[in-house]
C-alpha atoms as a PDB file:
ATOM      1  CA  UNK A   1      28.505  -3.990 -18.466  1.00  0.00           C
ATOM      2  CA  UNK A   2      29.699  -7.707 -17.106  1.00  0.00           C
ATOM      3  CA  UNK A   3      27.880 -10.553 -17.175  1.00  0.00           C
ATOM      4  CA  UNK A   4      26.838 -10.380 -13.827  1.00  0.00           C
ATOM      5  CA  UNK A   5      25.617  -6.897 -13.602  1.00  0.00           C
ATOM      6  CA  UNK A   6      23.209  -7.545 -16.697  1.00  0.00           C
ATOM      7  CA  UNK A   7      22.236 -10.608 -15.031  1.00  0.00           C
ATOM      8  CA  UNK A   8      21.189  -8.932 -11.523  1.00  0.00           C
ATOM      9  CA  UNK A   9      19.930  -5.831 -13.960  1.00  0.00           C
ATOM     10  CA  UNK A  10      17.458  -8.310 -15.860  1.00  0.00           C
ATOM     11  CA  UNK A  11      16.094  -9.651 -12.137  1.00  0.00           C
ATOM     12  CA  UNK A  12      16.391  -6.853  -9.789  1.00  0.00           C
ATOM     13  CA  UNK A  13      15.100  -3.639  -9.649  1.00  0.00           C
ATOM     14  CA  UNK A  14      16.740  -0.433  -8.006  1.00  0.00           C
ATOM     15  CA  UNK A  15      16.247   2.893  -6.508  1.00  0.00           C
ATOM     16  CA  UNK A  16      18.034   4.626  -9.507  1.00  0.00           C
ATOM     17  CA  UNK A  17      19.921   3.228 -12.344  1.00  0.00           C
ATOM     18  CA  UNK A  18      23.067   4.765 -14.460  1.00  0.00           C
ATOM     19  CA  UNK A  19      22.262   5.768 -18.168  1.00  0.00           C
ATOM     20  CA  UNK A  20      24.644   4.848 -20.857  1.00  0.00           C
ATOM     21  CA  UNK A  21      25.354   9.090 -21.009  1.00  0.00           C
ATOM     22  CA  UNK A  22      26.332   9.004 -17.178  1.00  0.00           C
ATOM     23  CA  UNK A  23      23.077   9.982 -15.920  1.00  0.00           C
ATOM     24  CA  UNK A  24      20.624   9.253 -13.612  1.00  0.00           C
ATOM     25  CA  UNK A  25      17.368   7.747 -13.849  1.00  0.00           C
ATOM     26  CA  UNK A  26      14.770   7.168 -11.177  1.00  0.00           C
ATOM     27  CA  UNK A  27      14.023   3.462 -10.533  1.00  0.00           C
ATOM     28  CA  UNK A  28      12.057   2.417  -7.651  1.00  0.00           C
ATOM     29  CA  UNK A  29      12.491   5.826  -6.082  1.00  0.00           C
ATOM     30  CA  UNK A  30      10.151   8.684  -7.260  1.00  0.00           C
ATOM     31  CA  UNK A  31      11.881  11.596  -5.830  1.00  0.00           C
ATOM     32  CA  UNK A  32      15.018  12.088  -3.332  1.00  0.00           C
ATOM     33  CA  UNK A  33      16.139  14.902  -1.409  1.00  0.00           C
ATOM     34  CA  UNK A  34      20.039  14.741   0.466  1.00  0.00           C
ATOM     35  CA  UNK A  35      20.099  16.477   3.461  1.00  0.00           C
ATOM     36  CA  UNK A  36      22.298  19.723   4.376  1.00  0.00           C
ATOM     37  CA  UNK A  37      25.209  17.312   5.681  1.00  0.00           C
ATOM     38  CA  UNK A  38      25.874  15.447   2.454  1.00  0.00           C
ATOM     39  CA  UNK A  39      25.318  12.044   4.611  1.00  0.00           C
ATOM     40  CA  UNK A  40      21.646  12.229   5.360  1.00  0.00           C
ATOM     41  CA  UNK A  41      19.217  10.736   2.024  1.00  0.00           C
ATOM     42  CA  UNK A  42      15.380  10.967   2.025  1.00  0.00           C
ATOM     43  CA  UNK A  43      13.847   8.850  -1.097  1.00  0.00           C
ATOM     44  CA  UNK A  44      10.235   8.100  -2.116  1.00  0.00           C
ATOM     45  CA  UNK A  45       8.934   5.189  -3.467  1.00  0.00           C
ATOM     46  CA  UNK A  46       7.186   4.582  -6.595  1.00  0.00           C
ATOM     47  CA  UNK A  47       2.872   3.858  -5.470  1.00  0.00           C
ATOM     48  CA  UNK A  48       2.430   0.039  -5.359  1.00  0.00           C
ATOM     49  CA  UNK A  49       5.661  -0.973  -5.256  1.00  0.00           C
ATOM     50  CA  UNK A  50       5.568  -4.965  -4.083  1.00  0.00           C
ATOM     51  CA  UNK A  51       8.086  -7.229  -2.823  1.00  0.00           C
ATOM     52  CA  UNK A  52       9.076 -10.291  -5.400  1.00  0.00           C
ATOM     53  CA  UNK A  53       6.323 -12.375  -3.109  1.00  0.00           C
ATOM     54  CA  UNK A  54       3.535  -9.860  -3.589  1.00  0.00           C
ATOM     55  CA  UNK A  55       4.080  -7.731  -0.598  1.00  0.00           C
ATOM     56  CA  UNK A  56       3.587  -4.190  -0.776  1.00  0.00           C
ATOM     57  CA  UNK A  57       6.331  -1.944   0.856  1.00  0.00           C
ATOM     58  CA  UNK A  58       5.439  -0.195   3.476  1.00  0.00           C
ATOM     59  CA  UNK A  59       6.966   2.691   5.371  1.00  0.00           C
ATOM     60  CA  UNK A  60       7.824   1.888   9.416  1.00  0.00           C
ATOM     61  CA  UNK A  61       5.757   4.017  11.191  1.00  0.00           C
END
Protein backbone atom coordinates (compact mmCIF):
# COMPACT_ATOMS: atom_id res chain seq x y z
CA UNK A 1 0.00 0.00 0.00
CA UNK A 2 1.32 3.42 -0.90
CA UNK A 3 1.61 6.07 1.82
CA UNK A 4 -1.27 8.04 0.27
CA UNK A 5 -3.57 4.99 0.18
CA UNK A 6 -2.65 4.17 3.77
CA UNK A 7 -3.47 7.71 4.88
CA UNK A 8 -6.81 7.71 3.05
CA UNK A 9 -7.71 4.29 4.46
CA UNK A 10 -7.09 5.61 7.97
CA UNK A 11 -9.41 8.59 7.38
CA UNK A 12 -12.20 7.32 5.12
CA UNK A 13 -14.45 4.27 5.24
CA UNK A 14 -15.19 2.57 1.94
CA UNK A 15 -18.07 0.42 0.73
CA UNK A 16 -15.75 -2.59 0.46
CA UNK A 17 -12.18 -3.36 1.45
CA UNK A 18 -9.63 -5.56 -0.25
CA UNK A 19 -7.71 -7.88 2.07
CA UNK A 20 -4.01 -8.65 1.55
CA UNK A 21 -5.17 -12.08 0.29
CA UNK A 22 -7.20 -10.38 -2.45
CA UNK A 23 -10.67 -11.08 -1.10
CA UNK A 24 -13.34 -8.40 -0.88
CA UNK A 25 -14.92 -7.75 2.51
CA UNK A 26 -17.78 -5.41 3.37
CA UNK A 27 -16.98 -1.99 4.78
CA UNK A 28 -19.89 0.44 4.85
CA UNK A 29 -21.86 -1.96 2.67
CA UNK A 30 -23.86 -4.66 4.40
CA UNK A 31 -24.59 -6.51 1.15
CA UNK A 32 -24.79 -6.01 -2.60
CA UNK A 33 -26.41 -7.45 -5.70
CA UNK A 34 -25.33 -7.22 -9.33
CA UNK A 35 -28.04 -6.93 -11.97
CA UNK A 36 -28.31 -9.34 -14.91
CA UNK A 37 -26.59 -6.84 -17.23
CA UNK A 38 -23.52 -6.75 -14.95
CA UNK A 39 -23.68 -2.97 -14.95
CA UNK A 40 -26.31 -2.23 -12.30
CA UNK A 41 -25.26 -2.68 -8.69
CA UNK A 42 -27.55 -2.35 -5.67
CA UNK A 43 -25.59 -1.72 -2.48
CA UNK A 44 -27.15 -1.71 0.98
CA UNK A 45 -25.43 0.26 3.72
CA UNK A 46 -24.97 -0.89 7.29
CA UNK A 47 -27.56 0.55 9.70
CA UNK A 48 -26.79 3.93 11.28
CA UNK A 49 -24.10 4.99 8.79
CA UNK A 50 -23.30 8.67 9.31
CA UNK A 51 -21.39 11.28 7.36
CA UNK A 52 -18.34 12.97 8.90
CA UNK A 53 -20.58 15.80 10.13
CA UNK A 54 -22.74 13.32 12.07
CA UNK A 55 -25.78 13.40 9.75
CA UNK A 56 -27.31 10.01 9.08
CA UNK A 57 -27.21 8.58 5.60
CA UNK A 58 -30.71 8.29 4.18
CA UNK A 59 -31.89 6.91 0.90
CA UNK A 60 -33.63 9.13 -1.64
CA UNK A 61 -37.39 8.85 -1.57
